[in-house]
């Protein structure tokens, strides 16, 4: 009897929580996986895999440059970057917040960039802020992004 009462109370509490809040943990896990796949795609130079992670109407706002608007433009920039360089990226997810069909994430990243033509590699550090959009199939894609580059304290 007591177990049945506890189970009933639990069901009632879960039923009172909006579905969007019930799904938040699953959404955060899916977004974390997407971000890990992104770093792996950068490290592999896999433009096709990276392109799949962006919405068609993506807007990318790099530092000291004009915005890239639309998936085709963002992919062209990636292709150019991977033709000229290889990358080794590590990321730390500092924050993820889900609000309905949008989510934002804040990341700190380190990246070693080596020119494919030879020469010294450069170590860069930065912050990334992304807004992700839930797709019709329930998956998440990067919809808006901007990042900065900084010199860490010595």
C-alpha atoms as a PDB file:
ATOM      1  CA  UNK A   1       0.000   0.000   0.000  1.00  0.00           C
ATOM      2  CA  UNK A   2       2.747   2.427   0.977  1.00  0.00           C
ATOM      3  CA  UNK A   3       4.703   1.680  -2.228  1.00  0.00           C
ATOM      4  CA  UNK A   4       1.589   2.278  -4.300  1.00  0.00           C
ATOM      5  CA  UNK A   5       1.032   5.617  -2.587  1.00  0.00           C
ATOM      6  CA  UNK A   6       4.657   6.666  -3.184  1.00  0.00           C
ATOM      7  CA  UNK A   7       4.411   5.613  -6.831  1.00  0.00           C
ATOM      8  CA  UNK A   8       1.147   7.530  -7.263  1.00  0.00           C
ATOM      9  CA  UNK A   9       2.624  10.673  -5.667  1.00  0.00           C
ATOM     10  CA  UNK A  10       5.678  10.422  -7.901  1.00  0.00           C
ATOM     11  CA  UNK A  11       3.521  10.103 -11.007  1.00  0.00           C
ATOM     12  CA  UNK A  12       1.435  13.087  -9.960  1.00  0.00           C
ATOM     13  CA  UNK A  13       4.538  15.211  -9.380  1.00  0.00           C
ATOM     14  CA  UNK A  14       6.004  14.263 -12.759  1.00  0.00           C
ATOM     15  CA  UNK A  15       2.669  15.004 -14.427  1.00  0.00           C
ATOM     16  CA  UNK A  16       2.716  18.513 -12.918  1.00  0.00           C
ATOM     17  CA  UNK A  17       6.141  19.308 -14.418  1.00  0.00           C
ATOM     18  CA  UNK A  18       5.841  20.698 -17.960  1.00  0.00           C
ATOM     19  CA  UNK A  19       7.108  18.345 -20.664  1.00  0.00           C
ATOM     20  CA  UNK A  20       9.797  20.855 -21.639  1.00  0.00           C
ATOM     21  CA  UNK A  21      11.303  20.634 -18.138  1.00  0.00           C
ATOM     22  CA  UNK A  22      11.042  16.852 -18.125  1.00  0.00           C
ATOM     23  CA  UNK A  23      13.057  16.747 -21.342  1.00  0.00           C
ATOM     24  CA  UNK A  24      15.712  19.243 -20.247  1.00  0.00           C
ATOM     25  CA  UNK A  25      18.151  16.601 -18.996  1.00  0.00           C
ATOM     26  CA  UNK A  26      17.852  14.662 -22.255  1.00  0.00           C
ATOM     27  CA  UNK A  27      18.242  17.896 -24.230  1.00  0.00           C
ATOM     28  CA  UNK A  28      21.369  18.893 -22.291  1.00  0.00           C
ATOM     29  CA  UNK A  29      22.850  15.426 -22.887  1.00  0.00           C
ATOM     30  CA  UNK A  30      22.077  15.661 -26.614  1.00  0.00           C
ATOM     31  CA  UNK A  31      23.643  19.126 -26.818  1.00  0.00           C
ATOM     32  CA  UNK A  32      26.763  17.935 -24.941  1.00  0.00           C
ATOM     33  CA  UNK A  33      27.071  15.077 -27.438  1.00  0.00           C
ATOM     34  CA  UNK A  34      26.699  17.501 -30.362  1.00  0.00           C
ATOM     35  CA  UNK A  35      29.421  19.738 -28.943  1.00  0.00           C
ATOM     36  CA  UNK A  36      31.763  16.767 -28.420  1.00  0.00           C
ATOM     37  CA  UNK A  37      31.067  15.643 -31.995  1.00  0.00           C
ATOM     38  CA  UNK A  38      31.831  19.162 -33.171  1.00  0.00           C
ATOM     39  CA  UNK A  39      35.307  19.154 -31.583  1.00  0.00           C
ATOM     40  CA  UNK A  40      35.934  15.685 -33.038  1.00  0.00           C
ATOM     41  CA  UNK A  41      34.842  16.919 -36.475  1.00  0.00           C
ATOM     42  CA  UNK A  42      37.187  19.901 -36.253  1.00  0.00           C
ATOM     43  CA  UNK A  43      40.072  17.641 -35.226  1.00  0.00           C
ATOM     44  CA  UNK A  44      39.330  15.280 -38.117  1.00  0.00           C
ATOM     45  CA  UNK A  45      38.857  18.112 -40.632  1.00  0.00           C
ATOM     46  CA  UNK A  46      35.461  16.579 -41.488  1.00  0.00           C
ATOM     47  CA  UNK A  47      33.532  19.419 -43.125  1.00  0.00           C
ATOM     48  CA  UNK A  48      30.615  17.145 -44.103  1.00  0.00           C
ATOM     49  CA  UNK A  49      30.114  16.014 -40.495  1.00  0.00           C
ATOM     50  CA  UNK A  50      30.389  19.591 -39.228  1.00  0.00           C
ATOM     51  CA  UNK A  51      27.890  20.857 -41.818  1.00  0.00           C
ATOM     52  CA  UNK A  52      25.306  18.383 -40.499  1.00  0.00           C
ATOM     53  CA  UNK A  53      25.495  20.105 -37.102  1.00  0.00           C
ATOM     54  CA  UNK A  54      24.317  23.473 -38.419  1.00  0.00           C
ATOM     55  CA  UNK A  55      20.822  24.709 -39.285  1.00  0.00           C
ATOM     56  CA  UNK A  56      20.241  25.816 -42.888  1.00  0.00           C
ATOM     57  CA  UNK A  57      19.708  29.422 -41.736  1.00  0.00           C
ATOM     58  CA  UNK A  58      22.780  29.554 -39.480  1.00  0.00           C
ATOM     59  CA  UNK A  59      24.510  32.859 -38.797  1.00  0.00           C
ATOM     60  CA  UNK A  60      28.140  32.656 -37.725  1.00  0.00           C
ATOM     61  CA  UNK A  61      29.828  35.754 -36.281  1.00  0.00           C
ATOM     62  CA  UNK A  62      33.623  35.333 -36.113  1.00  0.00           C
ATOM     63  CA  UNK A  63      35.864  37.919 -34.472  1.00  0.00           C
ATOM     64  CA  UNK A  64      37.167  40.728 -36.690  1.00  0.00           C
ATOM     65  CA  UNK A  65      35.173  39.563 -39.707  1.00  0.00           C
ATOM     66  CA  UNK A  66      31.786  39.916 -41.346  1.00  0.00           C
ATOM     67  CA  UNK A  67      29.046  37.463 -40.420  1.00  0.00           C
ATOM     68  CA  UNK A  68      28.611  34.332 -42.500  1.00  0.00           C
ATOM     69  CA  UNK A  69      24.928  33.931 -43.261  1.00  0.00           C
ATOM     70  CA  UNK A  70      23.483  30.583 -44.320  1.00  0.00           C
ATOM     71  CA  UNK A  71      24.840  27.053 -44.280  1.00  0.00           C
ATOM     72  CA  UNK A  72      26.432  27.289 -47.726  1.00  0.00           C
ATOM     73  CA  UNK A  73      28.518  30.311 -46.702  1.00  0.00           C
ATOM     74  CA  UNK A  74      29.548  28.771 -43.374  1.00  0.00           C
ATOM     75  CA  UNK A  75      30.589  25.520 -45.090  1.00  0.00           C
ATOM     76  CA  UNK A  76      32.620  27.436 -47.708  1.00  0.00           C
ATOM     77  CA  UNK A  77      34.517  29.153 -44.891  1.00  0.00           C
ATOM     78  CA  UNK A  78      35.173  25.814 -43.207  1.00  0.00           C
ATOM     79  CA  UNK A  79      36.461  24.296 -46.452  1.00  0.00           C
ATOM     80  CA  UNK A  80      38.833  27.224 -46.915  1.00  0.00           C
ATOM     81  CA  UNK A  81      40.070  26.932 -43.331  1.00  0.00           C
ATOM     82  CA  UNK A  82      40.651  23.179 -43.500  1.00  0.00           C
ATOM     83  CA  UNK A  83      42.433  23.485 -46.842  1.00  0.00           C
ATOM     84  CA  UNK A  84      44.959  25.878 -45.318  1.00  0.00           C
ATOM     85  CA  UNK A  85      45.269  24.392 -41.804  1.00  0.00           C
ATOM     86  CA  UNK A  86      44.921  21.410 -39.541  1.00  0.00           C
ATOM     87  CA  UNK A  87      43.312  21.898 -36.148  1.00  0.00           C
ATOM     88  CA  UNK A  88      43.475  20.239 -32.751  1.00  0.00           C
ATOM     89  CA  UNK A  89      40.704  21.562 -30.530  1.00  0.00           C
ATOM     90  CA  UNK A  90      39.780  20.901 -26.932  1.00  0.00           C
ATOM     91  CA  UNK A  91      36.681  22.366 -25.356  1.00  0.00           C
ATOM     92  CA  UNK A  92      35.174  22.823 -21.930  1.00  0.00           C
ATOM     93  CA  UNK A  93      31.413  23.280 -21.797  1.00  0.00           C
ATOM     94  CA  UNK A  94      30.881  26.010 -19.219  1.00  0.00           C
ATOM     95  CA  UNK A  95      27.111  26.308 -19.474  1.00  0.00           C
ATOM     96  CA  UNK A  96      24.057  24.938 -21.254  1.00  0.00           C
ATOM     97  CA  UNK A  97      20.562  26.329 -20.794  1.00  0.00           C
ATOM     98  CA  UNK A  98      17.474  25.018 -22.576  1.00  0.00           C
ATOM     99  CA  UNK A  99      14.404  27.217 -23.107  1.00  0.00           C
ATOM    100  CA  UNK A 100      11.802  25.445 -25.193  1.00  0.00           C
ATOM    101  CA  UNK A 101      13.059  24.960 -28.740  1.00  0.00           C
ATOM    102  CA  UNK A 102      16.133  27.133 -28.226  1.00  0.00           C
ATOM    103  CA  UNK A 103      19.191  26.533 -26.089  1.00  0.00           C
ATOM    104  CA  UNK A 104      22.365  28.436 -25.496  1.00  0.00           C
ATOM    105  CA  UNK A 105      25.747  27.139 -24.630  1.00  0.00           C
ATOM    106  CA  UNK A 106      28.948  28.782 -23.524  1.00  0.00           C
ATOM    107  CA  UNK A 107      32.274  27.089 -24.178  1.00  0.00           C
ATOM    108  CA  UNK A 108      35.926  27.797 -23.477  1.00  0.00           C
ATOM    109  CA  UNK A 109      38.227  26.353 -26.142  1.00  0.00           C
ATOM    110  CA  UNK A 110      41.893  25.838 -26.937  1.00  0.00           C
ATOM    111  CA  UNK A 111      43.046  25.108 -30.463  1.00  0.00           C
ATOM    112  CA  UNK A 112      46.373  24.412 -32.094  1.00  0.00           C
ATOM    113  CA  UNK A 113      46.359  25.532 -35.708  1.00  0.00           C
ATOM    114  CA  UNK A 114      49.081  24.222 -38.018  1.00  0.00           C
ATOM    115  CA  UNK A 115      49.435  25.477 -41.602  1.00  0.00           C
ATOM    116  CA  UNK A 116      49.192  22.614 -44.094  1.00  0.00           C
ATOM    117  CA  UNK A 117      51.958  24.263 -46.169  1.00  0.00           C
ATOM    118  CA  UNK A 118      54.313  24.022 -43.205  1.00  0.00           C
ATOM    119  CA  UNK A 119      55.418  26.524 -40.643  1.00  0.00           C
ATOM    120  CA  UNK A 120      54.896  27.079 -36.966  1.00  0.00           C
ATOM    121  CA  UNK A 121      51.678  26.031 -35.307  1.00  0.00           C
ATOM    122  CA  UNK A 122      49.767  28.639 -33.311  1.00  0.00           C
ATOM    123  CA  UNK A 123      47.964  28.001 -30.030  1.00  0.00           C
ATOM    124  CA  UNK A 124      44.736  29.972 -29.643  1.00  0.00           C
ATOM    125  CA  UNK A 125      42.305  30.259 -26.751  1.00  0.00           C
ATOM    126  CA  UNK A 126      38.778  31.560 -26.864  1.00  0.00           C
ATOM    127  CA  UNK A 127      35.168  31.648 -25.811  1.00  0.00           C
ATOM    128  CA  UNK A 128      32.237  30.486 -27.911  1.00  0.00           C
ATOM    129  CA  UNK A 129      28.589  31.364 -27.423  1.00  0.00           C
ATOM    130  CA  UNK A 130      26.066  29.411 -29.437  1.00  0.00           C
ATOM    131  CA  UNK A 131      22.312  29.371 -29.765  1.00  0.00           C
ATOM    132  CA  UNK A 132      21.001  25.989 -30.795  1.00  0.00           C
ATOM    133  CA  UNK A 133      17.588  25.301 -32.291  1.00  0.00           C
ATOM    134  CA  UNK A 134      15.537  22.147 -31.860  1.00  0.00           C
ATOM    135  CA  UNK A 135      14.720  20.652 -35.246  1.00  0.00           C
ATOM    136  CA  UNK A 136      11.415  19.047 -36.286  1.00  0.00           C
ATOM    137  CA  UNK A 137      12.889  15.594 -35.592  1.00  0.00           C
ATOM    138  CA  UNK A 138      13.841  16.641 -32.024  1.00  0.00           C
ATOM    139  CA  UNK A 139      17.580  16.942 -32.730  1.00  0.00           C
ATOM    140  CA  UNK A 140      19.562  20.090 -31.985  1.00  0.00           C
ATOM    141  CA  UNK A 141      21.530  22.145 -34.514  1.00  0.00           C
ATOM    142  CA  UNK A 142      23.690  25.225 -34.202  1.00  0.00           C
ATOM    143  CA  UNK A 143      21.641  28.199 -35.296  1.00  0.00           C
ATOM    144  CA  UNK A 144      23.617  31.286 -34.199  1.00  0.00           C
ATOM    145  CA  UNK A 145      27.212  31.424 -33.027  1.00  0.00           C
ATOM    146  CA  UNK A 146      29.891  33.891 -32.150  1.00  0.00           C
ATOM    147  CA  UNK A 147      33.300  33.540 -30.600  1.00  0.00           C
ATOM    148  CA  UNK A 148      36.233  35.491 -29.312  1.00  0.00           C
ATOM    149  CA  UNK A 149      39.947  34.843 -29.079  1.00  0.00           C
ATOM    150  CA  UNK A 150      41.936  35.848 -26.011  1.00  0.00           C
ATOM    151  CA  UNK A 151      45.413  35.587 -24.555  1.00  0.00           C
ATOM    152  CA  UNK A 152      45.329  33.635 -21.294  1.00  0.00           C
ATOM    153  CA  UNK A 153      46.962  35.079 -18.210  1.00  0.00           C
ATOM    154  CA  UNK A 154      50.597  34.019 -17.789  1.00  0.00           C
END
